[in-house]
Amino acid sequence: MRFYIADLHFFHANMNYEMDMRGFENAEQMNEYMIAKWNGRVRKNDEVMILGDFSIGKGEETNEILKRLNGAKFLITGNHDRFLEDKKFDTKLFRWIRPYEEVKDDKRKVILSHYPVFCYNGQYRLDKDGNPKTYMLYGHVHDTHDERLVNRFLDITRETLAYSKGEQALKPIPCQMINCFCKYSDYVPLTLNEWIKLDNERRDRLRAEQD
């Protein structure tokens, strides 16, 4: 099974008092909680796509976190992943480390980036039943005003009519961007379908609050 998650920020104590306000007493408590949540869902043969900002720890301590986490791990690099520059970090603990990737998940294309990509590859592609064939998964913005701006862009895009390839009539532009922020899922890596459901519910609540 394949899972996705973003912005875990292992060892980042300030996440408890600033920005995320995670509420743990310290980084150690936060680390242990996230490890337990991860291993409670992910099994040995599963895959986890990490959408950046995995750890602000040093190379050796990040090695130890990765060794405790179940599954095969893949990293999309984030702006805080400075452990990658540490010579003591073991890059073999990830199956690959890339700034951007496109993968397949149950016949759907998944765009993986730490940063939101507003006009992503395959955005207009729909299947014969009109369902999206491409999803853009991102992190970086956590639950900040930037995420509110992404939501506004998503709404504006979906309300905009355009011609898609092979179509004879104007139709709303598809836009399937999902913020895989770890706090949204209580630090549990989720499947694509689970993120789709959670994201739809969360954005609906956000719109209701803004009305």
N, C-alpha and C. Protein backbone atom coordinates (compact mmCIF):
# COMPACT_ATOMS: atom_id res chain seq x y z
N MET A 1 0.85 -1.19 0.00
CA MET A 1 0.00 0.00 0.00
C MET A 1 0.89 1.24 0.00
N ARG A 2 0.40 2.29 -0.66
CA ARG A 2 1.18 3.53 -0.74
C ARG A 2 0.50 4.64 0.05
N PHE A 3 1.32 5.35 0.84
CA PHE A 3 0.84 6.45 1.67
C PHE A 3 1.59 7.73 1.34
N TYR A 4 1.01 8.85 1.80
CA TYR A 4 1.60 10.17 1.57
C TYR A 4 1.50 10.99 2.85
N ILE A 5 2.48 11.88 3.07
CA ILE A 5 2.44 12.79 4.22
C ILE A 5 3.47 13.89 4.01
N ALA A 6 3.24 15.05 4.65
CA ALA A 6 4.14 16.20 4.47
C ALA A 6 4.41 16.89 5.80
N ASP A 7 5.57 17.54 5.87
CA ASP A 7 5.90 18.50 6.93
C ASP A 7 5.85 17.93 8.35
N LEU A 8 6.48 16.78 8.54
CA LEU A 8 6.54 16.20 9.88
C LEU A 8 7.43 17.02 10.81
N HIS A 9 8.52 17.56 10.31
CA HIS A 9 9.41 18.41 11.10
C HIS A 9 9.90 17.73 12.38
N PHE A 10 10.42 16.51 12.25
CA PHE A 10 11.02 15.86 13.41
C PHE A 10 12.09 16.78 14.02
N PHE A 11 12.16 16.81 15.34
CA PHE A 11 13.12 17.58 16.14
C PHE A 11 12.84 19.08 16.17
N HIS A 12 11.79 19.55 15.52
CA HIS A 12 11.53 20.99 15.42
C HIS A 12 10.63 21.43 16.58
N ALA A 13 11.26 21.71 17.71
CA ALA A 13 10.51 22.04 18.93
C ALA A 13 9.60 23.26 18.76
N ASN A 14 10.02 24.23 17.96
CA ASN A 14 9.23 25.45 17.80
C ASN A 14 7.86 25.20 17.16
N MET A 15 7.70 24.08 16.49
CA MET A 15 6.39 23.76 15.92
C MET A 15 5.31 23.63 17.00
N ASN A 16 5.76 23.42 18.23
CA ASN A 16 4.81 23.29 19.34
C ASN A 16 4.34 24.63 19.89
N TYR A 17 5.11 25.69 19.61
CA TYR A 17 4.81 26.99 20.22
C TYR A 17 4.56 28.08 19.19
N GLU A 18 4.96 27.83 17.95
CA GLU A 18 4.78 28.79 16.87
C GLU A 18 4.17 28.09 15.66
N MET A 19 3.59 28.82 14.77
CA MET A 19 3.07 28.34 13.49
C MET A 19 2.04 27.24 13.66
N ASP A 20 2.46 25.98 13.88
CA ASP A 20 1.52 24.86 13.98
C ASP A 20 0.82 24.79 15.34
N MET A 21 1.50 25.26 16.37
CA MET A 21 0.97 25.15 17.74
C MET A 21 0.57 23.70 18.04
N ARG A 22 1.50 22.78 17.84
CA ARG A 22 1.18 21.35 17.97
C ARG A 22 0.87 20.94 19.41
N GLY A 23 1.40 21.64 20.36
CA GLY A 23 0.98 21.41 21.74
C GLY A 23 1.74 20.35 22.51
N PHE A 24 2.78 19.75 21.94
CA PHE A 24 3.58 18.79 22.69
C PHE A 24 4.51 19.54 23.65
N GLU A 25 4.93 18.87 24.71
CA GLU A 25 5.78 19.51 25.71
C GLU A 25 7.16 19.84 25.15
N ASN A 26 7.65 19.00 24.27
CA ASN A 26 8.98 19.20 23.69
C ASN A 26 9.11 18.37 22.42
N ALA A 27 10.26 18.49 21.76
CA ALA A 27 10.48 17.79 20.49
C ALA A 27 10.49 16.28 20.69
N GLU A 28 11.03 15.81 21.81
CA GLU A 28 11.10 14.37 22.07
C GLU A 28 9.69 13.76 22.14
N GLN A 29 8.80 14.42 22.85
CA GLN A 29 7.43 13.92 22.94
C GLN A 29 6.75 13.94 21.57
N MET A 30 6.97 15.00 20.83
CA MET A 30 6.42 15.09 19.48
C MET A 30 6.95 13.97 18.58
N ASN A 31 8.25 13.75 18.62
CA ASN A 31 8.86 12.69 17.81
C ASN A 31 8.25 11.33 18.11
N GLU A 32 8.13 11.01 19.39
CA GLU A 32 7.61 9.70 19.78
C GLU A 32 6.15 9.53 19.34
N TYR A 33 5.37 10.59 19.46
CA TYR A 33 3.96 10.53 19.04
C TYR A 33 3.88 10.28 17.53
N MET A 34 4.67 10.98 16.74
CA MET A 34 4.62 10.82 15.29
C MET A 34 5.11 9.44 14.86
N ILE A 35 6.12 8.93 15.54
CA ILE A 35 6.60 7.58 15.22
C ILE A 35 5.51 6.55 15.51
N ALA A 36 4.84 6.68 16.64
CA ALA A 36 3.77 5.74 17.01
C ALA A 36 2.62 5.81 16.02
N LYS A 37 2.25 7.01 15.60
CA LYS A 37 1.16 7.17 14.62
C LYS A 37 1.54 6.55 13.28
N TRP A 38 2.77 6.77 12.85
CA TRP A 38 3.27 6.21 11.59
C TRP A 38 3.23 4.69 11.64
N ASN A 39 3.85 4.11 12.66
CA ASN A 39 3.97 2.66 12.74
C ASN A 39 2.64 1.97 13.06
N GLY A 40 1.69 2.73 13.58
CA GLY A 40 0.36 2.17 13.80
C GLY A 40 -0.40 1.95 12.50
N ARG A 41 0.06 2.57 11.43
CA ARG A 41 -0.62 2.44 10.13
C ARG A 41 0.24 1.75 9.07
N VAL A 42 1.51 2.09 9.03
CA VAL A 42 2.40 1.62 7.96
C VAL A 42 3.03 0.29 8.34
N ARG A 43 3.01 -0.64 7.39
CA ARG A 43 3.64 -1.95 7.59
C ARG A 43 4.94 -2.06 6.80
N LYS A 44 5.66 -3.13 7.01
CA LYS A 44 7.00 -3.31 6.46
C LYS A 44 7.04 -3.15 4.95
N ASN A 45 6.07 -3.70 4.24
CA ASN A 45 6.10 -3.69 2.78
C ASN A 45 5.37 -2.50 2.15
N ASP A 46 4.88 -1.58 2.97
CA ASP A 46 4.21 -0.39 2.45
C ASP A 46 5.22 0.65 1.96
N GLU A 47 4.73 1.62 1.20
CA GLU A 47 5.55 2.73 0.73
C GLU A 47 4.98 4.04 1.28
N VAL A 48 5.88 4.95 1.65
CA VAL A 48 5.45 6.26 2.13
C VAL A 48 6.19 7.34 1.34
N MET A 49 5.42 8.19 0.66
CA MET A 49 5.96 9.33 -0.06
C MET A 49 5.92 10.54 0.88
N ILE A 50 7.08 11.05 1.24
CA ILE A 50 7.20 12.17 2.17
C ILE A 50 7.41 13.45 1.36
N LEU A 51 6.48 14.41 1.49
CA LEU A 51 6.50 15.60 0.65
C LEU A 51 7.29 16.75 1.30
N GLY A 52 8.46 16.43 1.80
CA GLY A 52 9.38 17.46 2.27
C GLY A 52 9.26 17.82 3.73
N ASP A 53 10.31 18.49 4.22
CA ASP A 53 10.45 18.93 5.61
C ASP A 53 10.22 17.77 6.58
N PHE A 54 10.99 16.73 6.36
CA PHE A 54 10.90 15.55 7.22
C PHE A 54 11.52 15.80 8.59
N SER A 55 12.71 16.42 8.61
CA SER A 55 13.43 16.57 9.88
C SER A 55 14.34 17.79 9.81
N ILE A 56 14.45 18.48 10.95
CA ILE A 56 15.47 19.52 11.04
C ILE A 56 16.64 19.04 11.91
N GLY A 57 16.63 17.76 12.23
CA GLY A 57 17.70 17.19 13.04
C GLY A 57 18.98 17.00 12.25
N LYS A 58 20.03 16.65 12.96
CA LYS A 58 21.31 16.35 12.31
C LYS A 58 21.24 14.99 11.62
N GLY A 59 22.28 14.69 10.87
CA GLY A 59 22.28 13.47 10.08
C GLY A 59 22.10 12.21 10.90
N GLU A 60 22.88 12.05 11.95
CA GLU A 60 22.83 10.81 12.74
C GLU A 60 21.50 10.63 13.44
N GLU A 61 20.95 11.70 14.03
CA GLU A 61 19.68 11.55 14.73
C GLU A 61 18.52 11.34 13.77
N THR A 62 18.62 11.91 12.58
CA THR A 62 17.60 11.64 11.56
C THR A 62 17.70 10.21 11.07
N ASN A 63 18.92 9.68 10.96
CA ASN A 63 19.10 8.26 10.64
C ASN A 63 18.31 7.38 11.60
N GLU A 64 18.42 7.68 12.90
CA GLU A 64 17.78 6.85 13.90
C GLU A 64 16.26 6.91 13.81
N ILE A 65 15.71 8.07 13.49
CA ILE A 65 14.26 8.18 13.30
C ILE A 65 13.83 7.31 12.12
N LEU A 66 14.53 7.42 11.03
CA LEU A 66 14.17 6.66 9.83
C LEU A 66 14.24 5.16 10.06
N LYS A 67 15.21 4.71 10.83
CA LYS A 67 15.34 3.28 11.12
C LYS A 67 14.17 2.75 11.94
N ARG A 68 13.52 3.63 12.70
CA ARG A 68 12.40 3.21 13.54
C ARG A 68 11.06 3.23 12.79
N LEU A 69 11.02 3.87 11.63
CA LEU A 69 9.76 4.00 10.89
C LEU A 69 9.57 2.85 9.92
N ASN A 70 8.39 2.24 9.94
CA ASN A 70 8.08 1.12 9.05
C ASN A 70 8.00 1.57 7.59
N GLY A 71 8.17 0.61 6.70
CA GLY A 71 7.93 0.82 5.28
C GLY A 71 9.12 1.37 4.51
N ALA A 72 8.97 1.34 3.19
CA ALA A 72 9.96 1.96 2.30
C ALA A 72 9.63 3.44 2.19
N LYS A 73 10.67 4.27 2.33
CA LYS A 73 10.45 5.70 2.41
C LYS A 73 11.07 6.42 1.22
N PHE A 74 10.32 7.39 0.68
CA PHE A 74 10.73 8.17 -0.48
C PHE A 74 10.62 9.64 -0.10
N LEU A 75 11.62 10.45 -0.45
CA LEU A 75 11.62 11.84 -0.01
C LEU A 75 11.59 12.82 -1.17
N ILE A 76 10.59 13.69 -1.16
CA ILE A 76 10.61 14.91 -1.96
C ILE A 76 11.23 15.98 -1.07
N THR A 77 12.30 16.58 -1.52
CA THR A 77 13.05 17.49 -0.66
C THR A 77 12.27 18.76 -0.35
N GLY A 78 12.36 19.19 0.92
CA GLY A 78 11.76 20.43 1.36
C GLY A 78 12.83 21.43 1.76
N ASN A 79 12.43 22.64 2.05
CA ASN A 79 13.39 23.69 2.35
C ASN A 79 14.04 23.54 3.72
N HIS A 80 13.52 22.67 4.59
CA HIS A 80 14.11 22.47 5.91
C HIS A 80 14.90 21.17 6.03
N ASP A 81 15.03 20.41 4.97
CA ASP A 81 15.70 19.11 5.06
C ASP A 81 17.22 19.26 4.95
N ARG A 82 17.78 20.00 5.88
CA ARG A 82 19.23 20.28 5.84
C ARG A 82 20.06 19.08 6.28
N PHE A 83 19.43 18.08 6.86
CA PHE A 83 20.18 16.86 7.22
C PHE A 83 20.79 16.21 6.00
N LEU A 84 20.22 16.51 4.82
CA LEU A 84 20.76 15.93 3.59
C LEU A 84 22.17 16.42 3.29
N GLU A 85 22.54 17.56 3.87
CA GLU A 85 23.88 18.10 3.66
C GLU A 85 24.90 17.55 4.67
N ASP A 86 24.42 16.81 5.65
CA ASP A 86 25.27 16.24 6.69
C ASP A 86 25.92 14.95 6.17
N LYS A 87 27.23 14.89 6.21
CA LYS A 87 27.96 13.73 5.69
C LYS A 87 27.64 12.45 6.46
N LYS A 88 27.13 12.59 7.69
CA LYS A 88 26.81 11.42 8.49
C LYS A 88 25.40 10.89 8.22
N PHE A 89 24.64 11.58 7.37
CA PHE A 89 23.31 11.08 7.02
C PHE A 89 23.43 9.95 6.01
N ASP A 90 22.67 8.89 6.21
CA ASP A 90 22.69 7.72 5.34
C ASP A 90 21.57 7.84 4.31
N THR A 91 21.91 8.26 3.12
CA THR A 91 20.90 8.47 2.07
C THR A 91 20.21 7.17 1.66
N LYS A 92 20.81 6.02 1.94
CA LYS A 92 20.22 4.72 1.57
C LYS A 92 18.96 4.42 2.38
N LEU A 93 18.71 5.21 3.44
CA LEU A 93 17.49 5.00 4.23
C LEU A 93 16.24 5.44 3.47
N PHE A 94 16.44 6.21 2.39
CA PHE A 94 15.35 6.52 1.47
C PHE A 94 15.57 5.73 0.19
N ARG A 95 14.47 5.27 -0.43
CA ARG A 95 14.58 4.58 -1.72
C ARG A 95 15.06 5.55 -2.79
N TRP A 96 14.54 6.78 -2.73
CA TRP A 96 15.08 7.87 -3.55
C TRP A 96 14.80 9.20 -2.88
N ILE A 97 15.60 10.21 -3.30
CA ILE A 97 15.46 11.58 -2.81
C ILE A 97 15.43 12.48 -4.04
N ARG A 98 14.31 13.18 -4.25
CA ARG A 98 14.14 13.99 -5.46
C ARG A 98 13.40 15.29 -5.14
N PRO A 99 13.62 16.33 -5.95
CA PRO A 99 12.91 17.60 -5.71
C PRO A 99 11.47 17.59 -6.23
N TYR A 100 11.17 16.64 -7.13
CA TYR A 100 9.85 16.60 -7.78
C TYR A 100 9.71 15.21 -8.39
N GLU A 101 8.50 14.70 -8.40
CA GLU A 101 8.28 13.39 -9.03
C GLU A 101 6.83 13.25 -9.46
N GLU A 102 6.60 12.41 -10.45
CA GLU A 102 5.26 12.03 -10.88
C GLU A 102 5.16 10.51 -10.80
N VAL A 103 4.17 10.00 -10.08
CA VAL A 103 4.01 8.57 -9.90
C VAL A 103 2.60 8.16 -10.29
N LYS A 104 2.39 6.87 -10.41
CA LYS A 104 1.07 6.31 -10.69
C LYS A 104 0.49 5.71 -9.41
N ASP A 105 -0.80 5.90 -9.23
CA ASP A 105 -1.48 5.35 -8.06
C ASP A 105 -2.89 4.94 -8.50
N ASP A 106 -3.10 3.64 -8.66
CA ASP A 106 -4.40 3.12 -9.08
C ASP A 106 -4.88 3.81 -10.36
N LYS A 107 -4.02 3.80 -11.39
CA LYS A 107 -4.30 4.35 -12.72
C LYS A 107 -4.45 5.87 -12.75
N ARG A 108 -4.05 6.53 -11.66
CA ARG A 108 -4.08 7.98 -11.63
C ARG A 108 -2.65 8.52 -11.51
N LYS A 109 -2.42 9.65 -12.16
CA LYS A 109 -1.13 10.32 -12.02
C LYS A 109 -1.14 11.16 -10.76
N VAL A 110 -0.03 11.10 -10.01
CA VAL A 110 0.10 11.89 -8.80
C VAL A 110 1.35 12.75 -8.92
N ILE A 111 1.15 14.07 -8.85
CA ILE A 111 2.25 15.01 -8.89
C ILE A 111 2.73 15.23 -7.46
N LEU A 112 4.02 15.04 -7.22
CA LEU A 112 4.58 15.17 -5.88
C LEU A 112 5.55 16.34 -5.84
N SER A 113 5.27 17.32 -4.98
CA SER A 113 6.13 18.49 -4.83
C SER A 113 5.98 19.01 -3.41
N HIS A 114 7.08 19.52 -2.84
CA HIS A 114 6.96 20.15 -1.53
C HIS A 114 6.12 21.42 -1.62
N TYR A 115 6.24 22.11 -2.74
CA TYR A 115 5.55 23.38 -2.92
C TYR A 115 4.31 23.20 -3.79
N PRO A 116 3.23 23.96 -3.55
CA PRO A 116 2.04 23.86 -4.40
C PRO A 116 2.38 24.22 -5.84
N VAL A 117 1.90 23.41 -6.77
CA VAL A 117 2.06 23.69 -8.20
C VAL A 117 0.68 24.01 -8.75
N PHE A 118 0.46 25.27 -9.12
CA PHE A 118 -0.89 25.72 -9.46
C PHE A 118 -1.35 25.30 -10.85
N CYS A 119 -0.44 25.14 -11.78
CA CYS A 119 -0.80 24.67 -13.12
C CYS A 119 0.03 23.42 -13.38
N TYR A 120 -0.44 22.30 -12.91
CA TYR A 120 0.37 21.08 -12.88
C TYR A 120 0.13 20.21 -14.11
N ASN A 121 1.08 19.34 -14.38
CA ASN A 121 1.02 18.46 -15.54
C ASN A 121 -0.17 17.51 -15.43
N GLY A 122 -1.01 17.48 -16.47
CA GLY A 122 -2.15 16.58 -16.48
C GLY A 122 -3.39 17.13 -15.79
N GLN A 123 -3.38 18.41 -15.46
CA GLN A 123 -4.49 19.00 -14.69
C GLN A 123 -5.84 18.83 -15.38
N TYR A 124 -5.88 18.91 -16.71
CA TYR A 124 -7.15 18.88 -17.44
C TYR A 124 -7.64 17.46 -17.74
N ARG A 125 -6.84 16.47 -17.42
CA ARG A 125 -7.17 15.11 -17.83
C ARG A 125 -8.25 14.49 -16.94
N LEU A 126 -9.31 14.00 -17.59
CA LEU A 126 -10.41 13.32 -16.91
C LEU A 126 -10.63 11.96 -17.55
N ASP A 127 -11.18 11.01 -16.79
CA ASP A 127 -11.50 9.72 -17.39
C ASP A 127 -12.84 9.80 -18.11
N LYS A 128 -13.29 8.68 -18.66
CA LYS A 128 -14.51 8.68 -19.47
C LYS A 128 -15.75 9.04 -18.66
N ASP A 129 -15.65 8.91 -17.34
CA ASP A 129 -16.77 9.26 -16.46
C ASP A 129 -16.66 10.68 -15.89
N GLY A 130 -15.63 11.40 -16.32
CA GLY A 130 -15.46 12.77 -15.85
C GLY A 130 -14.72 12.91 -14.55
N ASN A 131 -14.10 11.83 -14.09
CA ASN A 131 -13.34 11.88 -12.85
C ASN A 131 -11.89 12.31 -13.11
N PRO A 132 -11.26 13.04 -12.19
CA PRO A 132 -9.87 13.48 -12.39
C PRO A 132 -8.92 12.29 -12.55
N LYS A 133 -7.98 12.44 -13.48
CA LYS A 133 -6.96 11.42 -13.67
C LYS A 133 -5.62 11.84 -13.06
N THR A 134 -5.56 13.09 -12.56
CA THR A 134 -4.32 13.61 -11.99
C THR A 134 -4.59 14.37 -10.70
N TYR A 135 -3.75 14.15 -9.71
CA TYR A 135 -3.84 14.87 -8.43
C TYR A 135 -2.48 15.48 -8.12
N MET A 136 -2.50 16.69 -7.56
CA MET A 136 -1.28 17.40 -7.19
C MET A 136 -1.19 17.43 -5.66
N LEU A 137 -0.20 16.71 -5.11
CA LEU A 137 -0.02 16.64 -3.66
C LEU A 137 1.16 17.52 -3.24
N TYR A 138 0.97 18.31 -2.19
CA TYR A 138 2.00 19.27 -1.78
C TYR A 138 2.03 19.39 -0.27
N GLY A 139 2.99 20.18 0.21
CA GLY A 139 3.11 20.51 1.62
C GLY A 139 3.50 21.97 1.75
N HIS A 140 4.48 22.25 2.60
CA HIS A 140 5.13 23.54 2.76
C HIS A 140 4.31 24.61 3.49
N VAL A 141 3.04 24.77 3.12
CA VAL A 141 2.25 25.90 3.64
C VAL A 141 1.58 25.59 4.98
N HIS A 142 1.65 24.34 5.44
CA HIS A 142 1.04 23.94 6.72
C HIS A 142 -0.43 24.38 6.73
N ASP A 143 -0.89 24.99 7.82
CA ASP A 143 -2.28 25.47 7.89
C ASP A 143 -2.28 27.00 8.07
N THR A 144 -1.58 27.67 7.19
CA THR A 144 -1.38 29.12 7.29
C THR A 144 -2.28 29.86 6.32
N HIS A 145 -2.09 31.19 6.27
CA HIS A 145 -2.84 32.02 5.31
C HIS A 145 -2.54 31.60 3.88
N ASP A 146 -1.34 31.05 3.64
CA ASP A 146 -1.01 30.59 2.29
C ASP A 146 -1.94 29.46 1.85
N GLU A 147 -2.30 28.58 2.79
CA GLU A 147 -3.24 27.52 2.47
C GLU A 147 -4.62 28.09 2.16
N ARG A 148 -5.00 29.18 2.82
CA ARG A 148 -6.28 29.83 2.50
C ARG A 148 -6.24 30.40 1.09
N LEU A 149 -5.09 30.92 0.68
CA LEU A 149 -4.95 31.45 -0.68
C LEU A 149 -5.01 30.32 -1.71
N VAL A 150 -4.41 29.18 -1.40
CA VAL A 150 -4.51 28.03 -2.28
C VAL A 150 -5.97 27.63 -2.46
N ASN A 151 -6.73 27.64 -1.38
CA ASN A 151 -8.14 27.28 -1.45
C ASN A 151 -8.92 28.25 -2.33
N ARG A 152 -8.60 29.55 -2.24
CA ARG A 152 -9.26 30.54 -3.10
C ARG A 152 -8.91 30.30 -4.56
N PHE A 153 -7.63 30.00 -4.83
CA PHE A 153 -7.22 29.69 -6.20
C PHE A 153 -7.97 28.48 -6.73
N LEU A 154 -8.08 27.46 -5.89
CA LEU A 154 -8.77 26.24 -6.29
C LEU A 154 -10.22 26.55 -6.67
N ASP A 155 -10.90 27.33 -5.86
CA ASP A 155 -12.29 27.68 -6.15
C ASP A 155 -12.42 28.50 -7.43
N ILE A 156 -11.54 29.50 -7.59
CA ILE A 156 -11.58 30.33 -8.80
C ILE A 156 -11.34 29.48 -10.04
N THR A 157 -10.38 28.58 -9.96
CA THR A 157 -10.05 27.72 -11.10
C THR A 157 -11.23 26.82 -11.46
N ARG A 158 -11.84 26.21 -10.46
CA ARG A 158 -12.97 25.31 -10.72
C ARG A 158 -14.19 26.04 -11.24
N GLU A 159 -14.27 27.35 -11.01
CA GLU A 159 -15.40 28.14 -11.51
C GLU A 159 -15.14 28.72 -12.90
N THR A 160 -13.90 28.56 -13.40
CA THR A 160 -13.52 29.11 -14.69
C THR A 160 -13.81 28.10 -15.80
N LEU A 161 -14.46 28.54 -16.86
CA LEU A 161 -14.80 27.67 -17.97
C LEU A 161 -13.72 27.74 -19.05
N ALA A 162 -13.39 26.60 -19.62
CA ALA A 162 -12.37 26.53 -20.68
C ALA A 162 -12.62 25.31 -21.53
N TYR A 163 -12.02 25.29 -22.72
CA TYR A 163 -12.09 24.11 -23.58
C TYR A 163 -10.96 23.16 -23.22
N SER A 164 -11.29 21.92 -22.97
CA SER A 164 -10.28 20.89 -22.77
C SER A 164 -10.04 20.16 -24.09
N LYS A 165 -8.93 19.46 -24.18
CA LYS A 165 -8.57 18.74 -25.39
C LYS A 165 -9.66 17.74 -25.76
N GLY A 166 -10.14 17.83 -27.00
CA GLY A 166 -11.14 16.91 -27.49
C GLY A 166 -12.56 17.27 -27.11
N GLU A 167 -12.73 18.35 -26.36
CA GLU A 167 -14.05 18.77 -25.93
C GLU A 167 -14.59 19.87 -26.84
N GLN A 168 -15.89 19.82 -27.11
CA GLN A 168 -16.53 20.81 -27.98
C GLN A 168 -17.26 21.89 -27.18
N ALA A 169 -17.33 21.73 -25.88
CA ALA A 169 -18.06 22.68 -25.06
C ALA A 169 -17.18 23.17 -23.91
N LEU A 170 -17.47 24.38 -23.46
CA LEU A 170 -16.77 24.92 -22.31
C LEU A 170 -17.14 24.13 -21.05
N LYS A 171 -16.12 23.82 -20.26
CA LYS A 171 -16.35 23.11 -19.00
C LYS A 171 -15.47 23.70 -17.91
N PRO A 172 -15.86 23.54 -16.64
CA PRO A 172 -15.01 24.03 -15.55
C PRO A 172 -13.64 23.37 -15.58
N ILE A 173 -12.61 24.14 -15.26
CA ILE A 173 -11.25 23.61 -15.25
C ILE A 173 -11.07 22.70 -14.03
N PRO A 174 -10.61 21.48 -14.24
CA PRO A 174 -10.34 20.61 -13.09
C PRO A 174 -9.18 21.17 -12.27
N CYS A 175 -9.25 21.02 -10.97
CA CYS A 175 -8.14 21.44 -10.10
C CYS A 175 -8.18 20.58 -8.85
N GLN A 176 -7.24 19.66 -8.75
CA GLN A 176 -7.21 18.71 -7.64
C GLN A 176 -5.87 18.84 -6.92
N MET A 177 -5.80 19.83 -6.02
CA MET A 177 -4.59 20.07 -5.24
C MET A 177 -4.87 19.71 -3.78
N ILE A 178 -4.01 18.88 -3.21
CA ILE A 178 -4.24 18.39 -1.85
C ILE A 178 -3.02 18.68 -0.98
N ASN A 179 -3.26 19.38 0.11
CA ASN A 179 -2.22 19.65 1.10
C ASN A 179 -2.15 18.47 2.06
N CYS A 180 -1.05 17.73 2.02
CA CYS A 180 -0.88 16.53 2.85
C CYS A 180 -0.21 16.86 4.18
N PHE A 181 -0.52 18.01 4.73
CA PHE A 181 0.03 18.46 6.01
C PHE A 181 -0.26 17.43 7.09
N CYS A 182 0.79 17.00 7.79
CA CYS A 182 0.68 15.91 8.74
C CYS A 182 -0.33 16.16 9.85
N LYS A 183 -0.49 17.39 10.26
CA LYS A 183 -1.41 17.68 11.36
C LYS A 183 -2.86 17.45 10.96
N TYR A 184 -3.18 17.59 9.67
CA TYR A 184 -4.54 17.34 9.20
C TYR A 184 -4.96 15.89 9.42
N SER A 185 -3.99 14.97 9.37
CA SER A 185 -4.29 13.55 9.51
C SER A 185 -3.87 13.01 10.87
N ASP A 186 -3.62 13.91 11.82
CA ASP A 186 -3.11 13.53 13.14
C ASP A 186 -1.83 12.73 13.00
N TYR A 187 -0.97 13.16 12.04
CA TYR A 187 0.38 12.62 11.84
C TYR A 187 0.39 11.19 11.29
N VAL A 188 -0.73 10.74 10.76
CA VAL A 188 -0.83 9.40 10.17
C VAL A 188 -0.67 9.51 8.65
N PRO A 189 0.26 8.79 8.02
CA PRO A 189 0.32 8.75 6.57
C PRO A 189 -0.98 8.15 6.01
N LEU A 190 -1.51 8.76 4.95
CA LEU A 190 -2.78 8.32 4.37
C LEU A 190 -2.60 7.91 2.91
N THR A 191 -3.52 7.09 2.44
CA THR A 191 -3.56 6.73 1.02
C THR A 191 -4.09 7.91 0.22
N LEU A 192 -3.96 7.84 -1.10
CA LEU A 192 -4.49 8.90 -1.96
C LEU A 192 -5.99 9.07 -1.75
N ASN A 193 -6.73 7.97 -1.74
CA ASN A 193 -8.19 8.07 -1.56
C ASN A 193 -8.55 8.69 -0.21
N GLU A 194 -7.79 8.36 0.81
CA GLU A 194 -8.05 8.94 2.13
C GLU A 194 -7.76 10.43 2.15
N TRP A 195 -6.69 10.84 1.48
CA TRP A 195 -6.38 12.27 1.40
C TRP A 195 -7.45 13.01 0.60
N ILE A 196 -7.94 12.41 -0.47
CA ILE A 196 -8.99 13.04 -1.27
C ILE A 196 -10.22 13.30 -0.41
N LYS A 197 -10.63 12.31 0.34
CA LYS A 197 -11.82 12.45 1.20
C LYS A 197 -11.59 13.49 2.29
N LEU A 198 -10.46 13.40 2.97
CA LEU A 198 -10.16 14.34 4.04
C LEU A 198 -10.06 15.77 3.52
N ASP A 199 -9.42 15.92 2.36
CA ASP A 199 -9.24 17.26 1.78
C ASP A 199 -10.58 17.88 1.40
N ASN A 200 -11.45 17.10 0.79
CA ASN A 200 -12.77 17.62 0.41
C ASN A 200 -13.55 18.07 1.64
N GLU A 201 -13.53 17.26 2.69
CA GLU A 201 -14.25 17.61 3.91
C GLU A 201 -13.66 18.87 4.56
N ARG A 202 -12.35 18.96 4.58
CA ARG A 202 -11.69 20.10 5.21
C ARG A 202 -11.97 21.39 4.44
N ARG A 203 -11.86 21.33 3.13
CA ARG A 203 -12.09 22.55 2.33
C ARG A 203 -13.56 22.97 2.37
N ASP A 204 -14.47 22.02 2.46
CA ASP A 204 -15.88 22.37 2.60
C ASP A 204 -16.12 23.13 3.90
N ARG A 205 -15.49 22.67 4.98
CA ARG A 205 -15.62 23.37 6.27
C ARG A 205 -15.01 24.76 6.19
N LEU A 206 -13.89 24.88 5.51
CA LEU A 206 -13.22 26.17 5.37
C LEU A 206 -14.11 27.15 4.61
N ARG A 207 -14.75 26.69 3.56
CA ARG A 207 -15.64 27.56 2.79
C ARG A 207 -16.84 27.99 3.62
N ALA A 208 -17.36 27.05 4.41
CA ALA A 208 -18.52 27.37 5.25
C ALA A 208 -18.16 28.43 6.28
N GLU A 209 -16.93 28.37 6.81
CA GLU A 209 -16.49 29.37 7.78
C GLU A 209 -16.33 30.74 7.15
N GLN A 210 -15.99 30.76 5.86
CA GLN A 210 -15.77 32.03 5.18
C GLN A 210 -17.07 32.67 4.69
N ASP A 211 -18.14 31.91 4.58
CA ASP A 211 -19.42 32.44 4.10
C ASP A 211 -20.11 33.30 5.17
